[in-house]
Protein backbone atom coordinates (compact mmCIF):
# COMPACT_ATOMS: atom_id res chain seq x y z
CA MET A 1 2.22 -8.12 26.82
CA LYS A 2 5.24 -9.07 24.71
CA THR A 3 6.13 -6.87 21.74
CA TYR A 4 8.09 -7.73 18.62
CA GLU A 5 10.04 -5.50 16.26
CA PHE A 6 9.97 -6.68 12.65
CA LYS A 7 11.47 -5.36 9.46
CA PHE A 8 10.66 -6.29 5.85
CA ARG A 9 10.76 -5.07 2.28
CA ALA A 10 7.92 -4.46 -0.14
CA GLU A 11 7.94 -3.95 -3.90
CA CYS A 12 6.29 -0.56 -3.52
CA LEU A 13 4.56 1.74 -1.08
CA ASP A 14 1.13 0.48 -2.20
CA ASP A 15 1.99 -3.00 -0.87
CA ILE A 16 2.81 -1.53 2.53
CA ILE A 17 -0.41 0.48 2.60
CA CYS A 18 -2.41 -2.69 1.80
CA PHE A 19 -0.60 -4.49 4.60
CA LEU A 20 -1.27 -1.72 7.13
CA ASN A 21 -4.94 -1.58 6.14
CA THR A 22 -5.30 -5.34 6.66
CA SER A 23 -4.51 -5.17 10.35
CA ARG A 24 -4.57 -2.44 12.97
CA ASN A 25 -2.46 -4.40 15.48
CA PHE A 26 0.62 -2.23 15.17
CA LEU A 27 1.95 -0.07 17.95
CA LYS A 28 4.39 1.82 15.76
CA PHE A 29 5.75 1.71 12.22
CA ASN A 30 8.35 3.51 10.12
CA ILE A 31 8.59 3.41 6.31
CA ASN A 32 11.89 3.95 4.50
CA ASN A 33 11.87 4.57 0.77
CA ASP A 34 15.01 5.48 -1.18
CA GLU A 35 13.84 5.48 -4.79
CA ALA A 36 17.35 6.38 -5.95
CA ILE A 37 18.36 2.80 -5.17
CA LEU A 38 15.23 0.69 -5.82
CA PRO A 39 11.49 1.23 -5.94
CA ASP A 40 11.37 -1.14 -2.95
CA CYS A 41 10.37 0.19 0.46
CA GLU A 42 11.43 -1.07 3.86
CA ILE A 43 9.21 -0.97 6.90
CA GLU A 44 9.88 -1.44 10.58
CA ILE A 45 6.93 -2.42 12.76
CA THR A 46 6.45 -2.84 16.49
CA THR A 47 3.54 -5.13 17.32
CA HIS A 48 2.16 -7.71 19.74
CA LEU A 49 1.81 -10.14 16.83
CA ASP A 50 4.38 -12.92 16.51
CA TYR A 51 6.07 -14.06 13.28
CA ASN A 52 3.37 -16.57 12.29
CA ALA A 53 0.56 -14.10 12.96
CA MET A 54 2.34 -11.55 10.76
CA LEU A 55 2.66 -14.12 7.95
CA ASP A 56 -1.05 -14.97 8.29
CA ILE A 57 -1.92 -11.31 7.67
CA MET A 58 0.50 -11.07 4.76
CA ARG A 59 -1.00 -14.14 3.07
CA LYS A 60 -4.32 -12.27 2.81
CA ILE A 61 -2.74 -9.61 0.60
CA PRO A 62 -2.49 -10.26 -3.15
CA ASP A 63 1.05 -10.26 -4.54
CA SER A 64 2.67 -9.97 -1.09
CA HIS A 65 5.49 -12.43 -1.79
CA VAL A 66 8.33 -9.91 -1.22
CA ILE A 67 6.81 -8.83 2.10
CA MET A 68 6.49 -12.42 3.30
CA GLN A 69 9.88 -13.52 2.03
CA THR A 70 11.81 -10.69 3.71
CA LEU A 71 9.97 -10.57 7.07
CA GLN A 72 12.41 -10.94 9.96
CA LEU A 73 12.79 -9.80 13.51
CA LYS A 74 14.61 -6.48 13.27
CA PRO A 75 17.97 -7.71 14.68
CA ASN A 76 18.00 -10.56 12.12
CA TYR A 77 16.87 -8.52 9.10
CA THR A 78 18.97 -8.77 5.92
CA GLY A 79 16.45 -7.78 3.23
CA ILE A 80 17.29 -11.00 1.37
CA ARG A 81 14.27 -12.95 0.17
CA ASP A 82 13.64 -16.47 1.47
CA PHE A 83 12.10 -18.09 -1.62
CA SER A 84 10.97 -21.12 0.41
CA ILE A 85 8.20 -19.00 1.99
CA LYS A 86 4.98 -19.11 -0.02
């Protein structure tokens, strides 16, 4: 089965916890939080879910716009929000 490595930002740790509680389809995840820079958190996730399936999960979470707008495959990750994603 194919696996994907994603990375994204969230406004706070609570947003990441909500995301992780919404789906249990993750093989591995790592949370980075450097509050000296921003309250934002970054997360790296390994999963069998593709990009669209990840967005479908994120759309179920209230106020998840930063998560959705920064989701990228890990090699392509910039942390910059794509405001066209709703």
